[in-house]
Amino acid sequence: MARAWADHADAPEAVAQRLRTETPAPTTPAHIAALARLVVHLLGEHLGRFEDGRWRLGALEDHPLALDPAARSELRVGQAALSLAEGAPPPMAGLTPTEAVRAQSAAAAVCVGRAQSERALAFIAAARQRLSDLPDATPADHRPLAVACNNMAWTLHERGAERSAAETTAMLDIAADSRAHWSRAGTWLEVERADYCLALTHVSAGRPDDALRHAARCLAACIGHDAAPFEHFFGHEALARVQHARGDAAARDHHVAAAQSTFDRLDADDQAACRGALDALRALGATP
């Protein structure tokens, strides 16, 4: 499973084939649930092979471990999510209210990945409404919506000048929702990264003063939790971008220098992941 998640973005077809021919038999109900989530993400979001995904989930339903209630629930959610994302009539009537929230959230994430933004926004809105009606929502109910909101916020952020005013409003609302859901479903790390997203989306929306609060909160979480240098790098990157947008060159230069210093402490893999962001900071004119 770890190898599949590591490889799936670069080689989705190869991973799909490996899942068909090389996947060891599940030994716990948790394995069934994990495979179901991977199938929805890989076959739905990356490959758009919804019927194949439903077939594979159906094969998992025949496994004895799928009698476990949690595993069975994950399979029901996966089947509904794939049908929703494809536009086929989903088996929503057989879902509990919390399963319906998870299915709509997962369908939203699939649609985000397939560049179907309007459908993704509609699924997010529906899941948000359903979740607000649940008096006893659990962290597991919030997590899929946190993921979907995060992915959608970044998708809208990347549109930049092509984004409409309505999409900009949606971007900020969804980024805030992502943080709210991560505060229920995640750890400080997910919340800190949600603050990073909020900082950059507010800069993109032309609201640098509001962005400052989120960027400061992002870096404060890194300091307070003694985060890895990787997290500190992006905290300083966010503050450098915010201060550049605010016109505070001295503060910008301070955080660019701090990002450079943190970059120098990263291992080779993390440096490769951060090099583009560092080059972009240098392009702001803060460093030679």
Protein backbone atom coordinates (compact mmCIF):
# COMPACT_ATOMS: atom_id res chain seq x y z
CA MET A 1 0.00 0.00 0.00
CA ALA A 2 2.79 2.41 0.87
CA ARG A 3 4.51 1.70 -2.44
CA ALA A 4 1.23 2.15 -4.31
CA TRP A 5 0.60 5.56 -2.74
CA ALA A 6 4.19 6.60 -3.40
CA ASP A 7 4.03 5.63 -7.09
CA HIS A 8 0.44 6.31 -8.06
CA ALA A 9 0.73 9.98 -9.10
CA ASP A 10 3.57 9.35 -11.54
CA ALA A 11 2.51 5.91 -12.78
CA PRO A 12 -1.22 5.41 -12.18
CA GLU A 13 -1.66 2.74 -14.88
CA ALA A 14 1.23 0.69 -13.54
CA VAL A 15 -0.08 0.91 -10.00
CA ALA A 16 -3.57 -0.06 -11.14
CA GLN A 17 -2.12 -3.13 -12.81
CA ARG A 18 -0.08 -4.00 -9.71
CA LEU A 19 -3.23 -3.80 -7.60
CA ARG A 20 -4.88 -6.26 -9.94
CA THR A 21 -2.03 -8.79 -10.05
CA GLU A 22 0.30 -8.31 -7.08
CA THR A 23 -1.73 -7.09 -4.10
CA PRO A 24 -1.37 -9.48 -1.14
CA ALA A 25 -4.58 -10.79 0.38
CA PRO A 26 -5.92 -8.47 3.10
CA THR A 27 -5.32 -9.78 6.60
CA THR A 28 -7.36 -7.25 8.60
CA PRO A 29 -10.57 -5.27 8.04
CA ALA A 30 -8.43 -2.12 8.05
CA HIS A 31 -6.66 -3.45 4.93
CA ILE A 32 -10.02 -3.73 3.18
CA ALA A 33 -10.89 -0.13 4.06
CA ALA A 34 -7.47 1.13 2.98
CA LEU A 35 -7.70 -0.67 -0.36
CA ALA A 36 -11.16 0.78 -0.91
CA ARG A 37 -9.89 4.33 -0.42
CA LEU A 38 -6.97 3.72 -2.78
CA VAL A 39 -9.28 2.27 -5.45
CA VAL A 40 -11.55 5.32 -5.32
CA HIS A 41 -8.62 7.72 -5.53
CA LEU A 42 -6.65 5.87 -8.21
CA LEU A 43 -9.39 4.49 -10.45
CA GLY A 44 -11.71 7.45 -9.96
CA GLU A 45 -9.60 10.59 -9.67
CA HIS A 46 -6.49 9.63 -11.64
CA LEU A 47 -7.80 7.28 -14.29
CA GLY A 48 -11.54 7.99 -14.56
CA ARG A 49 -12.30 4.27 -14.78
CA PHE A 50 -15.38 4.31 -12.60
CA GLU A 51 -16.83 0.98 -13.67
CA ASP A 52 -13.48 -0.73 -13.08
CA GLY A 53 -13.31 0.90 -9.66
CA ARG A 54 -16.78 -0.31 -8.72
CA TRP A 55 -15.90 -3.80 -9.94
CA ARG A 56 -12.82 -3.88 -7.74
CA LEU A 57 -14.79 -2.67 -4.74
CA GLY A 58 -17.35 -5.37 -5.48
CA ALA A 59 -14.60 -7.98 -5.45
CA LEU A 60 -13.50 -6.74 -2.04
CA GLU A 61 -17.08 -7.04 -0.79
CA ASP A 62 -16.84 -10.80 -1.26
CA HIS A 63 -13.86 -11.09 1.09
CA PRO A 64 -14.71 -12.56 4.53
CA LEU A 65 -13.04 -9.60 6.29
CA ALA A 66 -15.48 -7.28 4.54
CA LEU A 67 -18.14 -8.45 6.97
CA ASP A 68 -16.55 -6.09 9.48
CA PRO A 69 -18.91 -3.10 9.86
CA ALA A 70 -16.20 -0.46 9.34
CA ALA A 71 -14.85 -2.19 6.22
CA ARG A 72 -18.35 -2.69 4.85
CA SER A 73 -19.09 0.99 5.45
CA GLU A 74 -15.94 2.07 3.56
CA LEU A 75 -16.94 -0.10 0.61
CA ARG A 76 -20.45 1.37 0.53
CA VAL A 77 -19.01 4.89 0.63
CA GLY A 78 -16.55 4.07 -2.15
CA GLN A 79 -19.24 2.66 -4.42
CA ALA A 80 -21.43 5.73 -3.89
CA ALA A 81 -18.52 8.15 -4.38
CA LEU A 82 -17.54 6.60 -7.71
CA SER A 83 -21.14 6.67 -8.93
CA LEU A 84 -21.60 10.28 -7.86
CA ALA A 85 -18.37 11.39 -9.52
CA GLU A 86 -19.26 9.58 -12.73
CA GLY A 87 -22.75 11.07 -12.78
CA ALA A 88 -24.47 7.70 -12.44
CA PRO A 89 -27.38 7.19 -10.02
CA PRO A 90 -25.67 6.50 -6.68
CA PRO A 91 -26.97 4.06 -4.06
CA MET A 92 -27.49 6.88 -1.55
CA ALA A 93 -30.62 5.33 -0.06
CA GLY A 94 -28.55 2.57 1.51
CA LEU A 95 -26.14 4.95 3.24
CA THR A 96 -26.27 6.29 6.75
CA PRO A 97 -26.18 10.10 7.09
CA THR A 98 -22.48 10.04 7.96
CA GLU A 99 -21.73 7.72 5.03
CA ALA A 100 -23.56 10.11 2.71
CA VAL A 101 -21.33 12.97 3.90
CA ARG A 102 -18.22 10.89 3.30
CA ALA A 103 -19.43 9.77 -0.14
CA GLN A 104 -20.17 13.33 -1.30
CA SER A 105 -16.85 14.54 0.07
CA ALA A 106 -14.96 11.75 -1.69
CA ALA A 107 -16.84 12.46 -4.93
CA ALA A 108 -15.83 16.12 -4.61
CA ALA A 109 -12.18 15.14 -4.25
CA VAL A 110 -12.42 12.95 -7.37
CA CYS A 111 -14.01 15.80 -9.34
CA VAL A 112 -11.32 18.25 -8.19
CA GLY A 113 -8.66 15.89 -9.47
CA ARG A 114 -10.47 15.53 -12.79
CA ALA A 115 -10.74 19.34 -13.24
CA GLN A 116 -14.51 19.33 -12.83
CA SER A 117 -14.62 22.31 -10.51
CA GLU A 118 -18.31 23.15 -10.73
CA ARG A 119 -19.33 19.60 -9.85
CA ALA A 120 -16.75 19.50 -7.07
CA LEU A 121 -18.11 22.72 -5.56
CA ALA A 122 -21.64 21.32 -5.71
CA PHE A 123 -20.60 18.13 -3.90
CA ILE A 124 -18.71 20.16 -1.28
CA ALA A 125 -21.77 22.34 -0.68
CA ALA A 126 -24.00 19.28 -0.33
CA ALA A 127 -21.58 17.56 2.05
CA ARG A 128 -21.21 20.72 4.15
CA GLN A 129 -24.98 20.95 4.50
CA ARG A 130 -25.33 17.29 5.44
CA LEU A 131 -22.51 17.56 7.95
CA SER A 132 -24.03 20.62 9.59
CA ASP A 133 -27.20 18.58 10.17
CA LEU A 134 -25.33 15.84 12.06
CA PRO A 135 -25.43 16.46 15.82
CA ASP A 136 -22.88 13.76 16.60
CA ALA A 137 -20.37 14.09 13.74
CA THR A 138 -17.06 12.36 14.40
CA PRO A 139 -13.53 13.21 13.20
CA ALA A 140 -13.96 10.53 10.55
CA ASP A 141 -16.93 12.46 9.18
CA HIS A 142 -14.92 15.68 8.94
CA ARG A 143 -11.76 14.27 7.39
CA PRO A 144 -12.97 13.61 3.80
CA LEU A 145 -14.48 17.09 3.61
CA ALA A 146 -11.25 18.60 4.95
CA VAL A 147 -9.36 16.90 2.11
CA ALA A 148 -11.87 17.94 -0.55
CA CYS A 149 -11.92 21.56 0.63
CA ASN A 150 -8.13 21.72 0.75
CA ASN A 151 -7.77 20.34 -2.77
CA MET A 152 -10.44 22.66 -4.15
CA ALA A 153 -8.92 25.73 -2.48
CA TRP A 154 -5.55 25.02 -4.08
CA THR A 155 -7.14 24.36 -7.47
CA LEU A 156 -8.85 27.76 -7.38
CA HIS A 157 -5.66 29.40 -6.11
CA GLU A 158 -3.72 28.07 -9.08
CA ARG A 159 -6.12 29.74 -11.52
CA GLY A 160 -4.77 33.12 -10.50
CA ALA A 161 -5.96 35.94 -12.72
CA GLU A 162 -8.31 33.59 -14.58
CA ARG A 163 -10.38 33.12 -11.44
CA SER A 164 -13.75 34.89 -11.32
CA ALA A 165 -14.85 37.03 -8.37
CA ALA A 166 -17.29 34.31 -7.33
CA GLU A 167 -14.53 31.70 -7.49
CA THR A 168 -12.27 33.91 -5.37
CA THR A 169 -14.97 34.13 -2.71
CA ALA A 170 -15.46 30.37 -2.88
CA MET A 171 -11.70 29.82 -2.61
CA LEU A 172 -11.46 31.79 0.64
CA ASP A 173 -14.57 30.19 2.12
CA ILE A 174 -13.40 26.69 1.26
CA ALA A 175 -9.88 27.29 2.56
CA ALA A 176 -11.39 28.42 5.88
CA ASP A 177 -13.67 25.38 5.90
CA SER A 178 -10.69 23.11 5.32
CA ARG A 179 -9.01 24.48 8.41
CA ALA A 180 -12.19 24.13 10.44
CA HIS A 181 -12.61 20.49 9.41
CA TRP A 182 -8.93 19.68 9.99
CA SER A 183 -9.24 21.14 13.48
CA ARG A 184 -11.79 18.39 14.13
CA ALA A 185 -10.22 15.58 12.12
CA GLY A 186 -6.46 16.16 12.04
CA THR A 187 -3.44 17.04 14.11
CA TRP A 188 -1.67 20.36 14.53
CA LEU A 189 0.25 19.54 11.33
CA GLU A 190 -2.84 19.50 9.13
CA VAL A 191 -4.13 22.67 10.80
CA GLU A 192 -0.76 24.38 10.28
CA ARG A 193 -0.80 23.46 6.60
CA ALA A 194 -4.36 24.75 6.35
CA ASP A 195 -3.12 28.08 7.71
CA TYR A 196 -0.44 28.06 5.01
CA CYS A 197 -3.17 27.56 2.42
CA LEU A 198 -5.22 30.38 3.95
CA ALA A 199 -2.23 32.72 3.84
CA LEU A 200 -1.49 32.12 0.16
CA THR A 201 -5.12 32.16 -0.94
CA HIS A 202 -5.62 35.53 0.79
CA VAL A 203 -2.53 36.90 -0.95
CA SER A 204 -3.91 35.60 -4.25
CA ALA A 205 -7.22 37.30 -3.48
CA GLY A 206 -5.48 40.65 -2.91
CA ARG A 207 -5.99 40.62 0.85
CA PRO A 208 -2.44 40.62 2.24
CA ASP A 209 -3.35 42.11 5.64
CA ASP A 210 -5.75 39.23 6.29
CA ALA A 211 -3.13 36.84 4.94
CA LEU A 212 -0.62 38.03 7.55
CA ARG A 213 -2.64 36.59 10.42
CA HIS A 214 -2.81 33.17 8.80
CA ALA A 215 0.88 33.13 7.83
CA ALA A 216 1.91 34.15 11.34
CA ARG A 217 -0.25 31.41 12.82
CA CYS A 218 1.33 28.89 10.43
CA LEU A 219 4.89 29.70 11.53
CA ALA A 220 3.88 29.95 15.20
CA ALA A 221 2.56 26.38 15.02
CA CYS A 222 5.86 25.21 13.53
CA ILE A 223 7.79 26.87 16.36
CA GLY A 224 5.40 25.76 19.09
CA HIS A 225 5.46 22.11 17.99
CA ASP A 226 9.16 22.00 17.14
CA ALA A 227 8.27 21.06 13.57
CA ALA A 228 10.68 19.62 11.06
CA PRO A 229 12.68 22.14 8.98
CA PHE A 230 10.47 21.32 5.98
CA GLU A 231 7.47 22.88 7.74
CA HIS A 232 9.50 25.90 8.92
CA PHE A 233 10.61 26.52 5.33
CA PHE A 234 7.04 26.92 4.11
CA GLY A 235 6.08 28.99 7.14
CA HIS A 236 8.80 31.48 6.21
CA GLU A 237 7.84 31.27 2.55
CA ALA A 238 4.26 32.22 3.40
CA LEU A 239 5.39 35.20 5.48
CA ALA A 240 7.82 36.34 2.79
CA ARG A 241 5.07 36.32 0.20
CA VAL A 242 2.64 38.10 2.51
CA GLN A 243 5.12 40.82 3.43
CA HIS A 244 6.05 41.29 -0.22
CA ALA A 245 2.37 41.80 -1.03
CA ARG A 246 2.10 44.26 1.87
CA GLY A 247 5.08 46.23 0.58
CA ASP A 248 7.26 45.56 3.63
CA ALA A 249 10.60 44.82 1.97
CA ALA A 250 12.56 44.52 5.22
CA ALA A 251 10.18 41.90 6.64
CA ARG A 252 10.13 40.10 3.30
CA ASP A 253 13.92 39.94 3.18
CA HIS A 254 14.05 38.63 6.74
CA HIS A 255 11.79 35.69 5.91
CA VAL A 256 13.48 34.96 2.59
CA ALA A 257 16.79 34.74 4.46
CA ALA A 258 15.17 32.50 7.07
CA ALA A 259 13.76 30.27 4.32
CA GLN A 260 17.22 30.02 2.76
CA SER A 261 18.75 29.11 6.12
CA THR A 262 16.09 26.46 6.68
CA PHE A 263 16.53 25.14 3.15
CA ASP A 264 20.21 24.54 3.88
CA ARG A 265 19.20 22.19 6.74
CA LEU A 266 16.97 20.00 4.57
CA ASP A 267 17.98 16.63 3.19
CA ALA A 268 18.37 16.18 -0.55
CA ASP A 269 14.81 14.96 -1.16
CA ASP A 270 13.24 17.84 0.75
CA GLN A 271 15.53 20.33 -0.96
CA ALA A 272 14.32 19.03 -4.31
CA ALA A 273 10.73 19.54 -3.17
CA CYS A 274 11.41 23.08 -1.92
CA ARG A 275 13.80 24.37 -4.58
CA GLY A 276 11.07 25.78 -6.81
CA ALA A 277 9.56 27.73 -3.92
CA LEU A 278 12.99 29.07 -2.95
CA ASP A 279 13.70 30.18 -6.51
CA ALA A 280 10.34 31.95 -6.58
CA LEU A 281 11.20 33.78 -3.36
CA ARG A 282 14.50 34.92 -4.83
CA ALA A 283 12.59 36.21 -7.83
CA LEU A 284 10.70 38.58 -5.54
CA GLY A 285 13.90 40.60 -5.45
CA ALA A 286 14.65 39.88 -1.83
CA THR A 287 18.03 38.21 -2.40
CA PRO A 288 20.75 38.50 -5.07
